[in-house]
């Protein structure tokens, strides 16, 4: 059955699945056979921005390929490191591998967390907690899933006028 208004959307759980390439291949087959469009919902508001900034293990600034691949979160958890820097994330809430992260971080020699939030979890795993301002209190730009740059102003302006 073909329909011009059918859509298959892959979200956060599918995009963080270990067999993502197989999931996408199956969904592409279903899309072709059914006439449905295939789309993906990125996990964060600035996933494209991370690619452009080179904040991924396999990318350099401008989205260029990194010939010296860095480590993925999964590889950092499967083969534990001595220390970790958590920047604006709470692994128990933000990480698809939260249980694995909790085990690894609990046994790490040194964990630094930079976060706008304090939690009992971070107090348990981090040796150092550093505060940060949430993105809503700073100006910035996100790049959405369509590649459109979206700038925003802080909620509250600081300083003397």
Protein backbone atom coordinates (compact mmCIF):
# COMPACT_ATOMS: atom_id res chain seq x y z
CA UNK A 1 0.00 0.00 0.00
CA UNK A 2 1.44 3.37 -1.02
CA UNK A 3 0.51 6.65 0.55
CA UNK A 4 1.83 10.10 -0.21
CA UNK A 5 1.38 11.14 3.41
CA UNK A 6 3.12 8.27 5.20
CA UNK A 7 6.28 8.82 7.19
CA UNK A 8 8.76 6.70 9.12
CA UNK A 9 10.59 8.66 11.82
CA UNK A 10 13.58 7.35 13.75
CA UNK A 11 14.12 8.99 17.13
CA UNK A 12 16.63 9.00 19.95
CA UNK A 13 16.33 5.33 20.92
CA UNK A 14 16.84 4.14 17.35
CA UNK A 15 19.70 6.58 16.73
CA UNK A 16 21.57 5.38 19.82
CA UNK A 17 21.01 1.68 19.10
CA UNK A 18 24.23 -0.37 18.63
CA UNK A 19 22.84 -1.76 15.34
CA UNK A 20 21.88 1.66 13.95
CA UNK A 21 23.13 0.97 10.43
CA UNK A 22 20.96 -2.16 10.25
CA UNK A 23 17.94 -0.29 11.64
CA UNK A 24 18.38 2.41 8.98
CA UNK A 25 18.80 -0.18 6.21
CA UNK A 26 15.59 -1.96 7.25
CA UNK A 27 13.69 1.33 7.49
CA UNK A 28 14.97 2.34 4.04
CA UNK A 29 13.61 -0.94 2.63
CA UNK A 30 10.24 -0.38 4.33
CA UNK A 31 10.23 3.20 3.04
CA UNK A 32 10.90 2.11 -0.54
CA UNK A 33 8.33 -0.71 -0.44
CA UNK A 34 5.61 1.39 1.17
CA UNK A 35 6.29 4.74 -0.47
CA UNK A 36 6.73 6.34 2.94
CA UNK A 37 9.28 9.06 3.50
CA UNK A 38 12.07 8.31 5.98
CA UNK A 39 13.24 10.88 8.50
CA UNK A 40 15.36 11.11 11.63
CA UNK A 41 14.82 13.25 14.69
CA UNK A 42 18.14 14.35 16.11
CA UNK A 43 18.69 13.91 19.83
CA UNK A 44 19.54 17.48 20.62
CA UNK A 45 18.79 20.94 19.41
CA UNK A 46 22.31 21.37 18.07
CA UNK A 47 23.36 17.99 16.71
CA UNK A 48 24.26 19.54 13.35
CA UNK A 49 26.21 22.21 15.20
CA UNK A 50 28.30 19.48 16.86
CA UNK A 51 29.23 18.14 13.41
CA UNK A 52 30.15 21.61 12.15
CA UNK A 53 32.19 22.41 15.26
CA UNK A 54 34.13 19.14 15.10
CA UNK A 55 32.78 17.99 18.47
CA UNK A 56 32.43 14.38 17.34
CA UNK A 57 35.15 11.71 17.38
CA UNK A 58 35.16 11.38 13.59
CA UNK A 59 34.82 15.07 12.62
CA UNK A 60 37.02 18.16 12.55
CA UNK A 61 35.78 21.78 12.46
CA UNK A 62 33.71 22.43 9.37
CA UNK A 63 32.49 18.82 9.43
CA UNK A 64 35.66 17.54 7.74
CA UNK A 65 36.60 13.90 8.32
CA UNK A 66 39.03 13.37 11.20
CA UNK A 67 41.76 10.94 10.09
CA UNK A 68 42.69 10.34 13.77
CA UNK A 69 39.34 9.23 15.13
CA UNK A 70 38.69 10.00 18.75
CA UNK A 71 36.81 7.77 21.16
CA UNK A 72 33.04 7.45 21.25
CA UNK A 73 31.18 7.49 24.55
CA UNK A 74 30.60 3.76 24.20
CA UNK A 75 34.31 3.04 23.65
CA UNK A 76 35.24 5.23 26.65
CA UNK A 77 32.88 3.17 28.79
CA UNK A 78 33.76 -0.27 27.41
CA UNK A 79 37.47 0.28 28.01
CA UNK A 80 37.42 2.51 31.09
CA UNK A 81 39.72 5.52 31.29
CA UNK A 82 41.38 6.90 34.42
CA UNK A 83 39.53 10.21 34.27
CA UNK A 84 36.44 11.75 32.70
CA UNK A 85 35.16 15.28 32.05
CA UNK A 86 31.37 15.53 32.04
CA UNK A 87 30.31 18.77 30.36
CA UNK A 88 26.66 19.74 30.62
CA UNK A 89 25.45 16.19 31.05
CA UNK A 90 24.18 13.88 33.72
CA UNK A 91 24.92 10.34 32.52
CA UNK A 92 22.09 8.79 34.54
CA UNK A 93 19.58 11.03 32.74
CA UNK A 94 21.24 11.96 29.44
CA UNK A 95 23.15 8.86 28.37
CA UNK A 96 21.75 5.83 26.52
CA UNK A 97 24.34 3.79 28.38
CA UNK A 98 23.50 5.25 31.79
CA UNK A 99 23.93 2.05 33.81
CA UNK A 100 27.32 1.34 32.21
CA UNK A 101 28.37 4.96 32.76
CA UNK A 102 27.44 4.78 36.44
CA UNK A 103 29.59 1.67 36.94
CA UNK A 104 32.58 3.10 35.07
CA UNK A 105 32.41 6.60 36.59
CA UNK A 106 32.09 5.17 40.11
CA UNK A 107 35.42 3.40 39.70
CA UNK A 108 37.29 6.17 37.80
CA UNK A 109 40.28 7.82 39.47
CA UNK A 110 39.06 11.33 38.69
CA UNK A 111 35.76 12.74 37.39
CA UNK A 112 35.03 16.44 36.83
CA UNK A 113 31.47 17.56 36.19
CA UNK A 114 30.67 20.99 34.73
CA UNK A 115 26.92 21.42 35.07
CA UNK A 116 24.16 23.94 35.68
CA UNK A 117 22.54 21.39 37.99
CA UNK A 118 23.52 19.72 41.22
CA UNK A 119 22.31 16.18 41.82
CA UNK A 120 22.97 13.35 44.23
CA UNK A 121 24.21 11.31 41.24
CA UNK A 122 26.84 13.89 40.29
CA UNK A 123 27.84 14.29 43.93
CA UNK A 124 28.38 10.52 44.07
CA UNK A 125 30.52 10.09 40.93
CA UNK A 126 32.31 13.44 40.54
CA UNK A 127 35.42 14.40 42.46
CA UNK A 128 34.99 18.03 41.35
CA UNK A 129 31.72 19.83 40.57
CA UNK A 130 32.03 23.11 38.63
CA UNK A 131 29.06 25.40 37.97
CA UNK A 132 28.06 26.58 34.54
CA UNK A 133 25.42 28.96 33.25
CA UNK A 134 22.58 27.23 31.39
CA UNK A 135 22.28 28.03 27.68
CA UNK A 136 19.14 30.06 28.36
CA UNK A 137 21.25 32.67 30.16
CA UNK A 138 23.70 33.21 27.31
CA UNK A 139 23.43 34.25 23.69
CA UNK A 140 24.20 31.62 21.10
CA UNK A 141 23.35 29.85 17.89
CA UNK A 142 22.05 26.35 17.20
CA UNK A 143 22.02 24.65 13.81
CA UNK A 144 18.77 22.74 13.41
CA UNK A 145 18.17 19.44 11.60
CA UNK A 146 17.54 21.30 8.33
CA UNK A 147 20.88 23.13 8.61
CA UNK A 148 19.26 26.48 9.45
CA UNK A 149 21.18 28.61 11.95
CA UNK A 150 18.96 29.79 14.79
CA UNK A 151 20.38 32.48 17.07
CA UNK A 152 18.97 33.41 20.45
CA UNK A 153 19.48 36.03 23.16
CA UNK A 154 19.81 35.36 26.88
CA UNK A 155 16.67 35.29 29.00
CA UNK A 156 18.17 37.81 31.40
CA UNK A 157 20.64 40.53 30.49
CA UNK A 158 23.47 41.07 32.98
CA UNK A 159 25.67 44.09 33.46
CA UNK A 160 25.25 47.82 33.75
CA UNK A 161 23.45 49.69 30.97
